[in-house]
Amino acid sequence: MTILTSARESPGQAALLALAVLTGVEYVIGGRDITGAFAMLTLIAVVKAAVIVIAFMHLANVLRGSADD
């Protein structure tokens, strides 16, 4: 089983993989003198926040109203 196959089977693993990749991109951008780095890092932070909200806080279930009480 490859990493991508297991990520398709589990949304949590897919989210962790996405967060790891985005963190690596942040590291590369932060370590270099890139024009517009603040804007890129801000965008990545927003995307990472969205991944966390969607995958781990079950936002889709809340919006659908099918949350388990």
C-alpha atoms as a PDB file:
ATOM      1  CA  MET A   1       0.000   0.000   0.000  1.00  0.00           C
ATOM      2  CA  THR A   2       1.439   3.342  -1.020  1.00  0.00           C
ATOM      3  CA  ILE A   3       1.050   6.647   0.789  1.00  0.00           C
ATOM      4  CA  LEU A   4      -1.394   7.964  -1.823  1.00  0.00           C
ATOM      5  CA  THR A   5      -3.530   4.814  -1.685  1.00  0.00           C
ATOM      6  CA  SER A   6      -3.840   5.002   2.088  1.00  0.00           C
ATOM      7  CA  ALA A   7      -4.560   8.744   1.868  1.00  0.00           C
ATOM      8  CA  ARG A   8      -7.489   8.064  -0.471  1.00  0.00           C
ATOM      9  CA  GLU A   9      -8.949   5.595   2.011  1.00  0.00           C
ATOM     10  CA  SER A  10      -8.701   7.914   5.011  1.00  0.00           C
ATOM     11  CA  PRO A  11      -9.523  11.636   4.893  1.00  0.00           C
ATOM     12  CA  GLY A  12      -7.487  12.167   8.059  1.00  0.00           C
ATOM     13  CA  GLN A  13      -4.370  10.719   6.466  1.00  0.00           C
ATOM     14  CA  ALA A  14      -4.958  12.795   3.339  1.00  0.00           C
ATOM     15  CA  ALA A  15      -5.228  15.912   5.491  1.00  0.00           C
ATOM     16  CA  LEU A  16      -2.013  15.069   7.338  1.00  0.00           C
ATOM     17  CA  LEU A  17      -0.235  14.508   4.033  1.00  0.00           C
ATOM     18  CA  ALA A  18      -1.511  17.850   2.700  1.00  0.00           C
ATOM     19  CA  LEU A  19      -0.439  19.632   5.890  1.00  0.00           C
ATOM     20  CA  ALA A  20       3.018  18.067   5.697  1.00  0.00           C
ATOM     21  CA  VAL A  21       3.470  19.152   2.080  1.00  0.00           C
ATOM     22  CA  LEU A  22       2.236  22.683   2.810  1.00  0.00           C
ATOM     23  CA  THR A  23       4.561  22.909   5.813  1.00  0.00           C
ATOM     24  CA  GLY A  24       7.485  21.940   3.570  1.00  0.00           C
ATOM     25  CA  VAL A  25       6.502  24.629   1.086  1.00  0.00           C
ATOM     26  CA  GLU A  26       6.288  27.148   3.943  1.00  0.00           C
ATOM     27  CA  TYR A  27       9.764  26.152   5.077  1.00  0.00           C
ATOM     28  CA  VAL A  28      11.220  26.671   1.601  1.00  0.00           C
ATOM     29  CA  ILE A  29       9.482  30.033   1.123  1.00  0.00           C
ATOM     30  CA  GLY A  30      10.442  31.220   4.609  1.00  0.00           C
ATOM     31  CA  GLY A  31      14.089  30.292   4.111  1.00  0.00           C
ATOM     32  CA  ARG A  32      14.534  32.276   0.921  1.00  0.00           C
ATOM     33  CA  ASP A  33      14.351  35.945   0.061  1.00  0.00           C
ATOM     34  CA  ILE A  34      11.273  35.787  -2.146  1.00  0.00           C
ATOM     35  CA  THR A  35       9.294  38.837  -3.207  1.00  0.00           C
ATOM     36  CA  GLY A  36       5.756  38.525  -1.901  1.00  0.00           C
ATOM     37  CA  ALA A  37       6.672  35.845   0.646  1.00  0.00           C
ATOM     38  CA  PHE A  38       4.273  37.293   3.232  1.00  0.00           C
ATOM     39  CA  ALA A  39       1.336  36.983   0.839  1.00  0.00           C
ATOM     40  CA  MET A  40       2.282  33.416  -0.114  1.00  0.00           C
ATOM     41  CA  LEU A  41       2.736  32.374   3.520  1.00  0.00           C
ATOM     42  CA  THR A  42      -0.591  33.952   4.438  1.00  0.00           C
ATOM     43  CA  LEU A  43      -2.326  32.073   1.631  1.00  0.00           C
ATOM     44  CA  ILE A  44      -0.740  28.798   2.729  1.00  0.00           C
ATOM     45  CA  ALA A  45      -1.835  29.430   6.322  1.00  0.00           C
ATOM     46  CA  VAL A  46      -5.425  29.978   5.177  1.00  0.00           C
ATOM     47  CA  VAL A  47      -5.343  26.781   3.104  1.00  0.00           C
ATOM     48  CA  LYS A  48      -3.932  24.817   6.061  1.00  0.00           C
ATOM     49  CA  ALA A  49      -6.653  26.203   8.322  1.00  0.00           C
ATOM     50  CA  ALA A  50      -9.285  25.156   5.792  1.00  0.00           C
ATOM     51  CA  VAL A  51      -7.836  21.634   5.614  1.00  0.00           C
ATOM     52  CA  ILE A  52      -7.992  21.337   9.405  1.00  0.00           C
ATOM     53  CA  VAL A  53     -11.546  22.669   9.622  1.00  0.00           C
ATOM     54  CA  ILE A  54     -12.828  20.428   6.830  1.00  0.00           C
ATOM     55  CA  ALA A  55     -11.013  17.218   7.786  1.00  0.00           C
ATOM     56  CA  PHE A  56     -10.821  17.281  11.560  1.00  0.00           C
ATOM     57  CA  MET A  57     -13.755  19.452  12.616  1.00  0.00           C
ATOM     58  CA  HIS A  58     -16.181  17.746  10.222  1.00  0.00           C
ATOM     59  CA  LEU A  59     -17.479  21.015   8.806  1.00  0.00           C
ATOM     60  CA  ALA A  60     -19.404  19.240   6.039  1.00  0.00           C
ATOM     61  CA  ASN A  61     -21.414  17.275   8.609  1.00  0.00           C
ATOM     62  CA  VAL A  62     -22.197  20.423  10.578  1.00  0.00           C
ATOM     63  CA  LEU A  63     -23.407  22.278   7.498  1.00  0.00           C
ATOM     64  CA  ARG A  64     -25.527  19.326   6.396  1.00  0.00           C
ATOM     65  CA  GLY A  65     -27.007  19.019   9.874  1.00  0.00           C
ATOM     66  CA  SER A  66     -26.022  15.384  10.283  1.00  0.00           C
ATOM     67  CA  ALA A  67     -23.842  15.862  13.336  1.00  0.00           C
ATOM     68  CA  ASP A  68     -24.048  13.067  15.885  1.00  0.00           C
ATOM     69  CA  ASP A  69     -25.420  14.340  19.178  1.00  0.00           C
END
